[in-house]
Amino acid sequence: RNEAESRIEQNRMGNLEIQVRDRNGQPVDGALVSVRQKSHQFLFGTAINGYSGLLDPNGNSVALTYQSEIKRLFNTVVIENNLKWPDFLSNRQLGVDAANWAFNQGLFLRGHNAIWPSRQYMPAAIWAQYDSLASSDIGAARDYLRSAINARIQDVATTFATQAFEWDVVNEPFANN
């Protein structure tokens, strides 16, 4: 923790000197000055949830508080599950709406994720087709899987080209072999 604090002091803090002068250019002694940072270059982020109407601008008090706190505390977000392949296939509009909400709030959106290479986290229909092809032609199965993955990446990259400027293209590649 001490090393982190030291890096913050060294790399993100600096001295500021303000001179207050009157209309004639004369120094004003004892002037009260208040400074508030309006923006910064560091991204402070969180995962947001597009389910349960939490991003509905006409939502209930819980949703409105959720939205307000996101905007107050963060300048960047990832959408927790709505852009992941199976969820996006089952309700594409929910993912689009969540991305639009983030973009319309002026939040930096990082796409999460295009591919999660695991049977558990990819659409069952993709694996069913792969298995069907693999039973007679493993080369065709591999070509199919490669094509499906490329189509998925192209789909999200195109769909969110104006909202998401970064993507976690492959999520947890080592944990999922």
C-alpha atoms as a PDB file:
ATOM      1  CA  ARG A   1       0.000   0.000   0.000  1.00  0.00           C
ATOM      2  CA  ASN A   2       2.851   2.398   0.785  1.00  0.00           C
ATOM      3  CA  GLU A   3       4.364   1.822  -2.657  1.00  0.00           C
ATOM      4  CA  ALA A   4       1.030   2.644  -4.311  1.00  0.00           C
ATOM      5  CA  GLU A   5       0.671   5.830  -2.271  1.00  0.00           C
ATOM      6  CA  SER A   6       4.193   6.825  -3.249  1.00  0.00           C
ATOM      7  CA  ARG A   7       3.441   6.312  -6.952  1.00  0.00           C
ATOM      8  CA  ILE A   8       0.266   8.369  -6.633  1.00  0.00           C
ATOM      9  CA  GLU A   9       2.181  11.213  -5.008  1.00  0.00           C
ATOM     10  CA  GLN A  10       4.943  11.004  -7.602  1.00  0.00           C
ATOM     11  CA  ASN A  11       2.866  10.549 -10.769  1.00  0.00           C
ATOM     12  CA  ARG A  12      -0.564  12.022 -10.107  1.00  0.00           C
ATOM     13  CA  MET A  13      -0.050  14.912  -7.737  1.00  0.00           C
ATOM     14  CA  GLY A  14       1.577  18.262  -8.186  1.00  0.00           C
ATOM     15  CA  ASN A  15       1.759  21.696  -6.687  1.00  0.00           C
ATOM     16  CA  LEU A  16      -0.570  24.450  -7.814  1.00  0.00           C
ATOM     17  CA  GLU A  17       0.081  28.120  -7.254  1.00  0.00           C
ATOM     18  CA  ILE A  18      -2.709  30.619  -7.704  1.00  0.00           C
ATOM     19  CA  GLN A  19      -2.257  34.356  -7.677  1.00  0.00           C
ATOM     20  CA  VAL A  20      -5.407  36.422  -7.201  1.00  0.00           C
ATOM     21  CA  ARG A  21      -5.262  39.947  -8.558  1.00  0.00           C
ATOM     22  CA  ASP A  22      -7.803  42.753  -8.670  1.00  0.00           C
ATOM     23  CA  ARG A  23      -8.873  44.620 -11.824  1.00  0.00           C
ATOM     24  CA  ASN A  24      -5.785  46.806 -11.628  1.00  0.00           C
ATOM     25  CA  GLY A  25      -3.477  43.798 -11.462  1.00  0.00           C
ATOM     26  CA  GLN A  26      -2.669  44.254  -7.803  1.00  0.00           C
ATOM     27  CA  PRO A  27      -2.360  41.173  -5.566  1.00  0.00           C
ATOM     28  CA  VAL A  28      -5.355  40.494  -3.322  1.00  0.00           C
ATOM     29  CA  ASP A  29      -4.229  39.431   0.136  1.00  0.00           C
ATOM     30  CA  GLY A  30      -6.293  36.812   1.936  1.00  0.00           C
ATOM     31  CA  ALA A  31      -8.496  35.990  -1.071  1.00  0.00           C
ATOM     32  CA  LEU A  32     -10.561  32.858  -0.571  1.00  0.00           C
ATOM     33  CA  VAL A  33     -10.063  30.453  -3.505  1.00  0.00           C
ATOM     34  CA  SER A  34     -11.864  27.192  -4.223  1.00  0.00           C
ATOM     35  CA  VAL A  35     -10.671  24.688  -6.845  1.00  0.00           C
ATOM     36  CA  ARG A  36     -12.621  21.709  -8.164  1.00  0.00           C
ATOM     37  CA  GLN A  37     -11.225  19.216 -10.673  1.00  0.00           C
ATOM     38  CA  LYS A  38     -13.598  18.919 -13.629  1.00  0.00           C
ATOM     39  CA  SER A  39     -12.012  16.000 -15.428  1.00  0.00           C
ATOM     40  CA  HIS A  40      -9.003  13.735 -15.399  1.00  0.00           C
ATOM     41  CA  GLN A  41      -7.223  11.288 -17.644  1.00  0.00           C
ATOM     42  CA  PHE A  42      -7.547   8.249 -15.388  1.00  0.00           C
ATOM     43  CA  LEU A  43     -10.508   5.954 -15.989  1.00  0.00           C
ATOM     44  CA  PHE A  44     -12.477   5.000 -12.872  1.00  0.00           C
ATOM     45  CA  GLY A  45     -14.842   2.203 -13.761  1.00  0.00           C
ATOM     46  CA  THR A  46     -17.345  -0.376 -12.730  1.00  0.00           C
ATOM     47  CA  ALA A  47     -19.514  -3.097 -14.212  1.00  0.00           C
ATOM     48  CA  ILE A  48     -23.115  -2.037 -14.765  1.00  0.00           C
ATOM     49  CA  ASN A  49     -26.212  -4.205 -14.870  1.00  0.00           C
ATOM     50  CA  GLY A  50     -28.673  -3.824 -17.737  1.00  0.00           C
ATOM     51  CA  TYR A  51     -31.218  -6.194 -16.189  1.00  0.00           C
ATOM     52  CA  SER A  52     -34.257  -5.413 -14.018  1.00  0.00           C
ATOM     53  CA  GLY A  53     -34.781  -1.962 -15.519  1.00  0.00           C
ATOM     54  CA  LEU A  54     -31.841  -0.524 -13.609  1.00  0.00           C
ATOM     55  CA  LEU A  55     -30.853   1.640 -16.596  1.00  0.00           C
ATOM     56  CA  ASP A  56     -34.391   2.766 -17.451  1.00  0.00           C
ATOM     57  CA  PRO A  57     -34.415   6.596 -17.265  1.00  0.00           C
ATOM     58  CA  ASN A  58     -38.071   6.372 -16.165  1.00  0.00           C
ATOM     59  CA  GLY A  59     -37.344   3.631 -13.650  1.00  0.00           C
ATOM     60  CA  ASN A  60     -38.218   3.394  -9.990  1.00  0.00           C
ATOM     61  CA  SER A  61     -36.261   5.113  -7.223  1.00  0.00           C
ATOM     62  CA  VAL A  62     -33.810   2.210  -6.940  1.00  0.00           C
ATOM     63  CA  ALA A  63     -33.014   2.426 -10.667  1.00  0.00           C
ATOM     64  CA  LEU A  64     -32.635   6.206 -10.580  1.00  0.00           C
ATOM     65  CA  THR A  65     -30.339   6.022  -7.555  1.00  0.00           C
ATOM     66  CA  TYR A  66     -28.313   3.284  -9.278  1.00  0.00           C
ATOM     67  CA  GLN A  67     -27.903   5.465 -12.366  1.00  0.00           C
ATOM     68  CA  SER A  68     -27.063   8.558 -10.350  1.00  0.00           C
ATOM     69  CA  GLU A  69     -24.370   6.779  -8.372  1.00  0.00           C
ATOM     70  CA  ILE A  70     -22.779   5.354 -11.522  1.00  0.00           C
ATOM     71  CA  LYS A  71     -22.561   8.836 -13.035  1.00  0.00           C
ATOM     72  CA  ARG A  72     -21.330  10.382  -9.767  1.00  0.00           C
ATOM     73  CA  LEU A  73     -18.594   7.858  -9.051  1.00  0.00           C
ATOM     74  CA  PHE A  74     -17.354   6.614 -12.430  1.00  0.00           C
ATOM     75  CA  ASN A  75     -16.349   7.774 -15.887  1.00  0.00           C
ATOM     76  CA  THR A  76     -16.044   4.352 -17.508  1.00  0.00           C
ATOM     77  CA  VAL A  77     -18.117   1.179 -17.453  1.00  0.00           C
ATOM     78  CA  VAL A  78     -18.354  -2.349 -18.745  1.00  0.00           C
ATOM     79  CA  ILE A  79     -21.732  -3.960 -19.153  1.00  0.00           C
ATOM     80  CA  GLU A  80     -21.608  -6.927 -16.836  1.00  0.00           C
ATOM     81  CA  ASN A  81     -23.437  -9.602 -18.845  1.00  0.00           C
ATOM     82  CA  ASN A  82     -25.674  -8.105 -21.524  1.00  0.00           C
ATOM     83  CA  LEU A  83     -22.964  -8.061 -24.207  1.00  0.00           C
ATOM     84  CA  LYS A  84     -21.669 -11.569 -23.528  1.00  0.00           C
ATOM     85  CA  TRP A  85     -22.503 -13.853 -26.407  1.00  0.00           C
ATOM     86  CA  PRO A  86     -25.289 -16.042 -24.899  1.00  0.00           C
ATOM     87  CA  ASP A  87     -27.018 -13.103 -23.204  1.00  0.00           C
ATOM     88  CA  PHE A  88     -26.723 -10.948 -26.321  1.00  0.00           C
ATOM     89  CA  LEU A  89     -28.252 -13.719 -28.439  1.00  0.00           C
ATOM     90  CA  SER A  90     -31.179 -14.136 -26.066  1.00  0.00           C
ATOM     91  CA  ASN A  91     -31.929 -10.389 -25.761  1.00  0.00           C
ATOM     92  CA  ARG A  92     -29.907  -8.288 -28.175  1.00  0.00           C
ATOM     93  CA  GLN A  93     -31.942  -5.139 -27.504  1.00  0.00           C
ATOM     94  CA  LEU A  94     -31.116  -5.200 -23.789  1.00  0.00           C
ATOM     95  CA  GLY A  95     -27.402  -5.052 -24.639  1.00  0.00           C
ATOM     96  CA  VAL A  96     -27.940  -2.291 -27.192  1.00  0.00           C
ATOM     97  CA  ASP A  97     -30.023  -0.294 -24.704  1.00  0.00           C
ATOM     98  CA  ALA A  98     -27.394  -0.680 -21.962  1.00  0.00           C
ATOM     99  CA  ALA A  99     -24.635   0.471 -24.334  1.00  0.00           C
ATOM    100  CA  ASN A 100     -26.737   3.419 -25.463  1.00  0.00           C
ATOM    101  CA  TRP A 101     -27.451   4.391 -21.859  1.00  0.00           C
ATOM    102  CA  ALA A 102     -23.727   4.436 -21.025  1.00  0.00           C
ATOM    103  CA  PHE A 103     -22.849   6.362 -24.174  1.00  0.00           C
ATOM    104  CA  ASN A 104     -25.641   8.905 -23.638  1.00  0.00           C
ATOM    105  CA  GLN A 105     -24.365   9.554 -20.107  1.00  0.00           C
ATOM    106  CA  GLY A 106     -20.944  10.429 -21.494  1.00  0.00           C
ATOM    107  CA  LEU A 107     -19.366   7.336 -19.958  1.00  0.00           C
ATOM    108  CA  PHE A 108     -16.447   5.571 -21.628  1.00  0.00           C
ATOM    109  CA  LEU A 109     -17.706   2.081 -22.528  1.00  0.00           C
ATOM    110  CA  ARG A 110     -15.394  -0.881 -22.654  1.00  0.00           C
ATOM    111  CA  GLY A 111     -16.984  -3.849 -24.419  1.00  0.00           C
ATOM    112  CA  HIS A 112     -16.991  -7.013 -22.319  1.00  0.00           C
ATOM    113  CA  ASN A 113     -16.631  -9.570 -23.820  1.00  0.00           C
ATOM    114  CA  ALA A 114     -16.701 -10.727 -27.418  1.00  0.00           C
ATOM    115  CA  ILE A 115     -15.601 -14.333 -26.780  1.00  0.00           C
ATOM    116  CA  TRP A 116     -15.350 -16.373 -23.607  1.00  0.00           C
ATOM    117  CA  PRO A 117     -13.698 -19.556 -24.880  1.00  0.00           C
ATOM    118  CA  SER A 118     -15.511 -22.228 -22.950  1.00  0.00           C
ATOM    119  CA  ARG A 119     -18.468 -24.475 -23.602  1.00  0.00           C
ATOM    120  CA  GLN A 120     -19.962 -23.081 -20.431  1.00  0.00           C
ATOM    121  CA  TYR A 121     -19.856 -19.462 -21.634  1.00  0.00           C
ATOM    122  CA  MET A 122     -20.537 -19.754 -25.359  1.00  0.00           C
ATOM    123  CA  PRO A 123     -23.976 -20.340 -26.887  1.00  0.00           C
ATOM    124  CA  ALA A 124     -25.127 -23.949 -26.643  1.00  0.00           C
ATOM    125  CA  ALA A 125     -26.295 -23.851 -30.276  1.00  0.00           C
ATOM    126  CA  ILE A 126     -22.740 -23.104 -31.433  1.00  0.00           C
ATOM    127  CA  TRP A 127     -21.421 -26.175 -29.637  1.00  0.00           C
ATOM    128  CA  ALA A 128     -24.310 -28.343 -30.785  1.00  0.00           C
ATOM    129  CA  GLN A 129     -23.514 -27.525 -34.417  1.00  0.00           C
ATOM    130  CA  TYR A 130     -19.792 -27.995 -33.776  1.00  0.00           C
ATOM    131  CA  ASP A 131     -20.401 -31.423 -32.199  1.00  0.00           C
ATOM    132  CA  SER A 132     -22.675 -32.461 -35.041  1.00  0.00           C
ATOM    133  CA  LEU A 133     -20.029 -31.570 -37.618  1.00  0.00           C
ATOM    134  CA  ALA A 134     -17.173 -33.018 -35.551  1.00  0.00           C
ATOM    135  CA  SER A 135     -18.814 -36.446 -35.452  1.00  0.00           C
ATOM    136  CA  SER A 136     -18.100 -36.819 -39.163  1.00  0.00           C
ATOM    137  CA  ASP A 137     -15.573 -34.097 -40.119  1.00  0.00           C
ATOM    138  CA  ILE A 138     -13.411 -32.387 -37.499  1.00  0.00           C
ATOM    139  CA  GLY A 139     -12.006 -30.001 -40.106  1.00  0.00           C
ATOM    140  CA  ALA A 140     -15.500 -28.790 -40.985  1.00  0.00           C
ATOM    141  CA  ALA A 141     -16.290 -28.427 -37.293  1.00  0.00           C
ATOM    142  CA  ARG A 142     -13.198 -26.285 -36.726  1.00  0.00           C
ATOM    143  CA  ASP A 143     -14.000 -24.157 -39.780  1.00  0.00           C
ATOM    144  CA  TYR A 144     -17.548 -23.683 -38.511  1.00  0.00           C
ATOM    145  CA  LEU A 145     -16.384 -22.659 -35.043  1.00  0.00           C
ATOM    146  CA  ARG A 146     -13.795 -20.256 -36.470  1.00  0.00           C
ATOM    147  CA  SER A 147     -16.437 -18.719 -38.734  1.00  0.00           C
ATOM    148  CA  ALA A 148     -18.964 -18.376 -35.889  1.00  0.00           C
ATOM    149  CA  ILE A 149     -16.384 -16.697 -33.653  1.00  0.00           C
ATOM    150  CA  ASN A 150     -15.295 -14.323 -36.411  1.00  0.00           C
ATOM    151  CA  ALA A 151     -18.935 -13.458 -37.127  1.00  0.00           C
ATOM    152  CA  ARG A 152     -19.527 -12.766 -33.417  1.00  0.00           C
ATOM    153  CA  ILE A 153     -16.524 -10.432 -33.210  1.00  0.00           C
ATOM    154  CA  GLN A 154     -17.605  -8.643 -36.397  1.00  0.00           C
ATOM    155  CA  ASP A 155     -21.167  -8.325 -35.081  1.00  0.00           C
ATOM    156  CA  VAL A 156     -20.293  -6.660 -31.783  1.00  0.00           C
ATOM    157  CA  ALA A 157     -17.532  -4.529 -33.303  1.00  0.00           C
ATOM    158  CA  THR A 158     -19.958  -3.207 -35.909  1.00  0.00           C
ATOM    159  CA  THR A 159     -23.001  -2.913 -33.646  1.00  0.00           C
ATOM    160  CA  PHE A 160     -21.117  -0.943 -30.984  1.00  0.00           C
ATOM    161  CA  ALA A 161     -18.625   0.891 -33.206  1.00  0.00           C
ATOM    162  CA  THR A 162     -19.754   4.317 -31.975  1.00  0.00           C
ATOM    163  CA  GLN A 163     -20.242   3.384 -28.301  1.00  0.00           C
ATOM    164  CA  ALA A 164     -17.427   1.024 -27.271  1.00  0.00           C
ATOM    165  CA  PHE A 165     -13.880   2.055 -28.054  1.00  0.00           C
ATOM    166  CA  GLU A 166     -12.152  -0.911 -26.408  1.00  0.00           C
ATOM    167  CA  TRP A 167     -13.083  -4.574 -26.132  1.00  0.00           C
ATOM    168  CA  ASP A 168     -12.099  -7.530 -24.029  1.00  0.00           C
ATOM    169  CA  VAL A 169     -12.096  -9.664 -27.165  1.00  0.00           C
ATOM    170  CA  VAL A 170     -11.111 -12.944 -25.491  1.00  0.00           C
ATOM    171  CA  ASN A 171     -12.029 -13.321 -21.841  1.00  0.00           C
ATOM    172  CA  GLU A 172      -9.940 -15.571 -19.561  1.00  0.00           C
ATOM    173  CA  PRO A 173      -8.065 -17.436 -22.301  1.00  0.00           C
ATOM    174  CA  PHE A 174      -5.869 -19.406 -19.907  1.00  0.00           C
ATOM    175  CA  ALA A 175      -8.511 -20.374 -17.376  1.00  0.00           C
ATOM    176  CA  ASN A 176     -10.680 -21.830 -20.125  1.00  0.00           C
ATOM    177  CA  ASN A 177      -7.972 -23.533 -22.194  1.00  0.00           C
END
